[in-house]
Amino acid sequence: SRGLEVEGNIFIKIKSLIPLITPLLFSSISEVEQRALALEVRAFSSPNPKTSILKIKDSLPQKIFRIVTLLLCLILIIYKFYLVIF
């Protein structure tokens, strides 16, 4: 490793590792703290059931459009299979 003195007894080797390990430990602790805050903000530990802010109800035109679109898709699928069979 660059800049790491590895000569000497075990205590000198361990002492020379401290400046290399310290930033790693601090960044790991910081990352864990950020993840814990993110989980807490999203209420992962909450015993209550998850809810949304608003319940949006479909209007009548939206319901009609959805039904018409579904029927058109079904008609096209049936028509496609009918053409393949005959």
N, C-alpha and C. Protein backbone atom coordinates (compact mmCIF):
# COMPACT_ATOMS: atom_id res chain seq x y z
N SER A 1 0.84 -1.19 0.00
CA SER A 1 0.00 0.00 0.00
C SER A 1 0.87 1.24 0.00
N ARG A 2 0.35 2.27 -0.62
CA ARG A 2 1.11 3.52 -0.66
C ARG A 2 1.05 4.22 0.70
N GLY A 3 2.18 4.66 1.18
CA GLY A 3 2.24 5.44 2.40
C GLY A 3 2.04 4.65 3.67
N LEU A 4 2.04 3.35 3.62
CA LEU A 4 1.83 2.53 4.80
C LEU A 4 3.13 1.85 5.16
N GLU A 5 3.60 2.15 6.35
CA GLU A 5 4.83 1.51 6.83
C GLU A 5 4.46 0.15 7.40
N VAL A 6 5.03 -0.90 6.83
CA VAL A 6 4.70 -2.24 7.29
C VAL A 6 5.87 -2.91 8.01
N GLU A 7 6.91 -2.16 8.23
CA GLU A 7 8.07 -2.73 8.93
C GLU A 7 7.91 -2.54 10.42
N GLY A 8 8.40 -3.46 11.18
CA GLY A 8 8.34 -3.38 12.63
C GLY A 8 7.45 -4.47 13.20
N ASN A 9 7.26 -4.39 14.52
CA ASN A 9 6.46 -5.43 15.16
C ASN A 9 4.96 -5.19 14.93
N ILE A 10 4.15 -6.05 15.50
CA ILE A 10 2.70 -6.01 15.25
C ILE A 10 2.07 -4.72 15.74
N PHE A 11 2.57 -4.16 16.84
CA PHE A 11 2.00 -2.93 17.38
C PHE A 11 2.25 -1.75 16.45
N ILE A 12 3.40 -1.70 15.84
CA ILE A 12 3.71 -0.63 14.88
C ILE A 12 2.82 -0.77 13.64
N LYS A 13 2.60 -1.99 13.20
CA LYS A 13 1.74 -2.22 12.04
C LYS A 13 0.30 -1.80 12.34
N ILE A 14 -0.20 -2.15 13.52
CA ILE A 14 -1.57 -1.77 13.89
C ILE A 14 -1.67 -0.25 14.03
N LYS A 15 -0.65 0.36 14.62
CA LYS A 15 -0.64 1.82 14.79
C LYS A 15 -0.64 2.53 13.44
N SER A 16 0.03 1.94 12.45
CA SER A 16 0.07 2.57 11.13
C SER A 16 -1.25 2.39 10.38
N LEU A 17 -2.08 1.44 10.78
CA LEU A 17 -3.38 1.23 10.13
C LEU A 17 -4.45 2.22 10.61
N ILE A 18 -4.28 2.80 11.78
CA ILE A 18 -5.30 3.68 12.34
C ILE A 18 -5.65 4.84 11.41
N PRO A 19 -4.69 5.56 10.82
CA PRO A 19 -5.07 6.65 9.91
C PRO A 19 -5.80 6.17 8.65
N LEU A 20 -5.60 4.92 8.27
CA LEU A 20 -6.29 4.40 7.09
C LEU A 20 -7.71 3.94 7.43
N ILE A 21 -7.90 3.41 8.62
CA ILE A 21 -9.20 2.86 9.00
C ILE A 21 -10.17 3.94 9.49
N THR A 22 -9.66 5.00 10.08
CA THR A 22 -10.52 6.04 10.66
C THR A 22 -11.50 6.63 9.65
N PRO A 23 -11.07 7.08 8.46
CA PRO A 23 -12.06 7.62 7.50
C PRO A 23 -13.09 6.58 7.06
N LEU A 24 -12.66 5.34 6.96
CA LEU A 24 -13.59 4.27 6.59
C LEU A 24 -14.67 4.09 7.64
N LEU A 25 -14.29 4.11 8.91
CA LEU A 25 -15.27 3.98 9.99
C LEU A 25 -16.23 5.16 10.03
N PHE A 26 -15.69 6.38 9.88
CA PHE A 26 -16.55 7.55 9.91
C PHE A 26 -17.53 7.57 8.75
N SER A 27 -17.08 7.19 7.57
CA SER A 27 -18.00 7.18 6.42
C SER A 27 -19.05 6.08 6.58
N SER A 28 -18.67 4.95 7.16
CA SER A 28 -19.65 3.88 7.40
C SER A 28 -20.71 4.32 8.40
N ILE A 29 -20.30 4.97 9.46
CA ILE A 29 -21.25 5.46 10.46
C ILE A 29 -22.18 6.50 9.84
N SER A 30 -21.64 7.38 9.03
CA SER A 30 -22.45 8.40 8.37
C SER A 30 -23.47 7.77 7.43
N GLU A 31 -23.06 6.76 6.68
CA GLU A 31 -23.97 6.07 5.76
C GLU A 31 -25.09 5.36 6.51
N VAL A 32 -24.75 4.71 7.60
CA VAL A 32 -25.76 4.01 8.40
C VAL A 32 -26.76 5.01 8.97
N GLU A 33 -26.26 6.15 9.41
CA GLU A 33 -27.15 7.18 9.95
C GLU A 33 -28.10 7.71 8.88
N GLN A 34 -27.59 7.93 7.67
CA GLN A 34 -28.44 8.40 6.57
C GLN A 34 -29.52 7.37 6.23
N ARG A 35 -29.16 6.12 6.19
CA ARG A 35 -30.15 5.07 5.89
C ARG A 35 -31.19 4.96 6.99
N ALA A 36 -30.76 5.06 8.23
CA ALA A 36 -31.70 5.00 9.35
C ALA A 36 -32.69 6.16 9.29
N LEU A 37 -32.20 7.35 8.98
CA LEU A 37 -33.09 8.50 8.86
C LEU A 37 -34.07 8.33 7.70
N ALA A 38 -33.60 7.79 6.59
CA ALA A 38 -34.48 7.57 5.44
C ALA A 38 -35.58 6.58 5.78
N LEU A 39 -35.23 5.51 6.48
CA LEU A 39 -36.24 4.53 6.88
C LEU A 39 -37.23 5.11 7.88
N GLU A 40 -36.72 5.94 8.78
CA GLU A 40 -37.59 6.56 9.77
C GLU A 40 -38.55 7.55 9.12
N VAL A 41 -38.07 8.33 8.16
CA VAL A 41 -38.92 9.29 7.47
C VAL A 41 -40.02 8.58 6.70
N ARG A 42 -39.72 7.42 6.15
CA ARG A 42 -40.72 6.66 5.38
C ARG A 42 -41.60 5.79 6.27
N ALA A 43 -41.43 5.90 7.58
CA ALA A 43 -42.27 5.22 8.57
C ALA A 43 -42.22 3.70 8.43
N PHE A 44 -41.04 3.15 8.22
CA PHE A 44 -40.92 1.70 8.12
C PHE A 44 -41.15 1.02 9.47
N SER A 45 -40.89 1.72 10.55
CA SER A 45 -41.06 1.11 11.87
C SER A 45 -42.43 1.41 12.48
N SER A 46 -43.30 2.07 11.73
CA SER A 46 -44.61 2.44 12.24
C SER A 46 -45.53 1.22 12.33
N PRO A 47 -46.22 1.05 13.47
CA PRO A 47 -47.14 -0.09 13.59
C PRO A 47 -48.47 0.15 12.86
N ASN A 48 -48.74 1.40 12.49
CA ASN A 48 -50.00 1.73 11.82
C ASN A 48 -49.96 1.32 10.35
N PRO A 49 -51.13 1.04 9.77
CA PRO A 49 -51.16 0.68 8.35
C PRO A 49 -50.80 1.88 7.47
N LYS A 50 -50.23 1.58 6.32
CA LYS A 50 -49.82 2.64 5.39
C LYS A 50 -51.06 3.23 4.71
N THR A 51 -51.07 4.54 4.60
CA THR A 51 -52.18 5.23 3.95
C THR A 51 -51.64 6.23 2.94
N SER A 52 -52.50 6.66 2.05
CA SER A 52 -52.12 7.72 1.12
C SER A 52 -52.69 9.04 1.61
N ILE A 53 -52.21 10.12 1.08
CA ILE A 53 -52.66 11.43 1.52
C ILE A 53 -54.11 11.67 1.09
N LEU A 54 -54.39 11.39 -0.16
CA LEU A 54 -55.73 11.62 -0.70
C LEU A 54 -56.27 10.36 -1.36
N LYS A 55 -57.57 10.18 -1.25
CA LYS A 55 -58.21 9.11 -2.01
C LYS A 55 -58.88 9.78 -3.20
N ILE A 56 -58.40 9.46 -4.38
CA ILE A 56 -58.93 10.08 -5.59
C ILE A 56 -59.96 9.14 -6.19
N LYS A 57 -61.17 9.66 -6.34
CA LYS A 57 -62.24 8.87 -6.94
C LYS A 57 -62.32 9.20 -8.43
N ASP A 58 -62.60 8.17 -9.22
CA ASP A 58 -62.75 8.37 -10.66
C ASP A 58 -64.06 9.08 -10.95
N SER A 59 -64.00 9.99 -11.91
CA SER A 59 -65.23 10.65 -12.35
C SER A 59 -65.97 9.71 -13.31
N LEU A 60 -67.18 10.06 -13.63
CA LEU A 60 -67.99 9.23 -14.52
C LEU A 60 -67.34 9.09 -15.90
N PRO A 61 -66.83 10.19 -16.51
CA PRO A 61 -66.16 10.02 -17.81
C PRO A 61 -64.95 9.09 -17.75
N GLN A 62 -64.21 9.12 -16.65
CA GLN A 62 -63.06 8.23 -16.51
C GLN A 62 -63.51 6.78 -16.44
N LYS A 63 -64.57 6.52 -15.70
CA LYS A 63 -65.08 5.15 -15.60
C LYS A 63 -65.57 4.66 -16.96
N ILE A 64 -66.29 5.51 -17.67
CA ILE A 64 -66.80 5.14 -19.00
C ILE A 64 -65.64 4.87 -19.94
N PHE A 65 -64.64 5.75 -19.94
CA PHE A 65 -63.48 5.57 -20.81
C PHE A 65 -62.76 4.26 -20.50
N ARG A 66 -62.61 3.95 -19.22
CA ARG A 66 -61.93 2.71 -18.83
C ARG A 66 -62.69 1.49 -19.32
N ILE A 67 -64.00 1.50 -19.18
CA ILE A 67 -64.81 0.36 -19.62
C ILE A 67 -64.77 0.22 -21.14
N VAL A 68 -64.88 1.35 -21.85
CA VAL A 68 -64.84 1.31 -23.32
C VAL A 68 -63.48 0.80 -23.79
N THR A 69 -62.41 1.27 -23.18
CA THR A 69 -61.06 0.82 -23.56
C THR A 69 -60.90 -0.67 -23.31
N LEU A 70 -61.37 -1.14 -22.18
CA LEU A 70 -61.29 -2.57 -21.87
C LEU A 70 -62.09 -3.39 -22.89
N LEU A 71 -63.28 -2.93 -23.21
CA LEU A 71 -64.10 -3.65 -24.20
C LEU A 71 -63.44 -3.66 -25.57
N LEU A 72 -62.86 -2.53 -25.97
CA LEU A 72 -62.16 -2.49 -27.26
C LEU A 72 -60.99 -3.47 -27.29
N CYS A 73 -60.24 -3.52 -26.21
CA CYS A 73 -59.11 -4.46 -26.15
C CYS A 73 -59.60 -5.90 -26.25
N LEU A 74 -60.66 -6.21 -25.53
CA LEU A 74 -61.21 -7.57 -25.59
C LEU A 74 -61.72 -7.90 -26.98
N ILE A 75 -62.39 -6.95 -27.61
CA ILE A 75 -62.89 -7.17 -28.97
C ILE A 75 -61.74 -7.41 -29.94
N LEU A 76 -60.68 -6.61 -29.81
CA LEU A 76 -59.52 -6.79 -30.70
C LEU A 76 -58.84 -8.13 -30.47
N ILE A 77 -58.73 -8.56 -29.24
CA ILE A 77 -58.11 -9.85 -28.95
C ILE A 77 -58.96 -10.99 -29.51
N ILE A 78 -60.26 -10.92 -29.28
CA ILE A 78 -61.15 -11.96 -29.81
C ILE A 78 -61.12 -11.96 -31.33
N TYR A 79 -61.14 -10.80 -31.94
CA TYR A 79 -61.10 -10.68 -33.40
C TYR A 79 -59.80 -11.27 -33.95
N LYS A 80 -58.68 -10.98 -33.27
CA LYS A 80 -57.38 -11.49 -33.71
C LYS A 80 -57.37 -13.03 -33.67
N PHE A 81 -57.86 -13.62 -32.58
CA PHE A 81 -57.91 -15.07 -32.48
C PHE A 81 -58.92 -15.67 -33.46
N TYR A 82 -60.00 -14.97 -33.70
CA TYR A 82 -61.00 -15.46 -34.65
C TYR A 82 -60.41 -15.52 -36.06
N LEU A 83 -59.59 -14.51 -36.42
CA LEU A 83 -58.96 -14.52 -37.75
C LEU A 83 -57.92 -15.61 -37.86
N VAL A 84 -57.22 -15.90 -36.79
CA VAL A 84 -56.18 -16.93 -36.82
C VAL A 84 -56.82 -18.31 -36.95
N ILE A 85 -57.91 -18.53 -36.26
CA ILE A 85 -58.56 -19.84 -36.27
C ILE A 85 -59.22 -20.11 -37.62
N PHE A 86 -59.90 -19.11 -38.20
CA PHE A 86 -60.63 -19.33 -39.45
C PHE A 86 -59.92 -18.75 -40.62
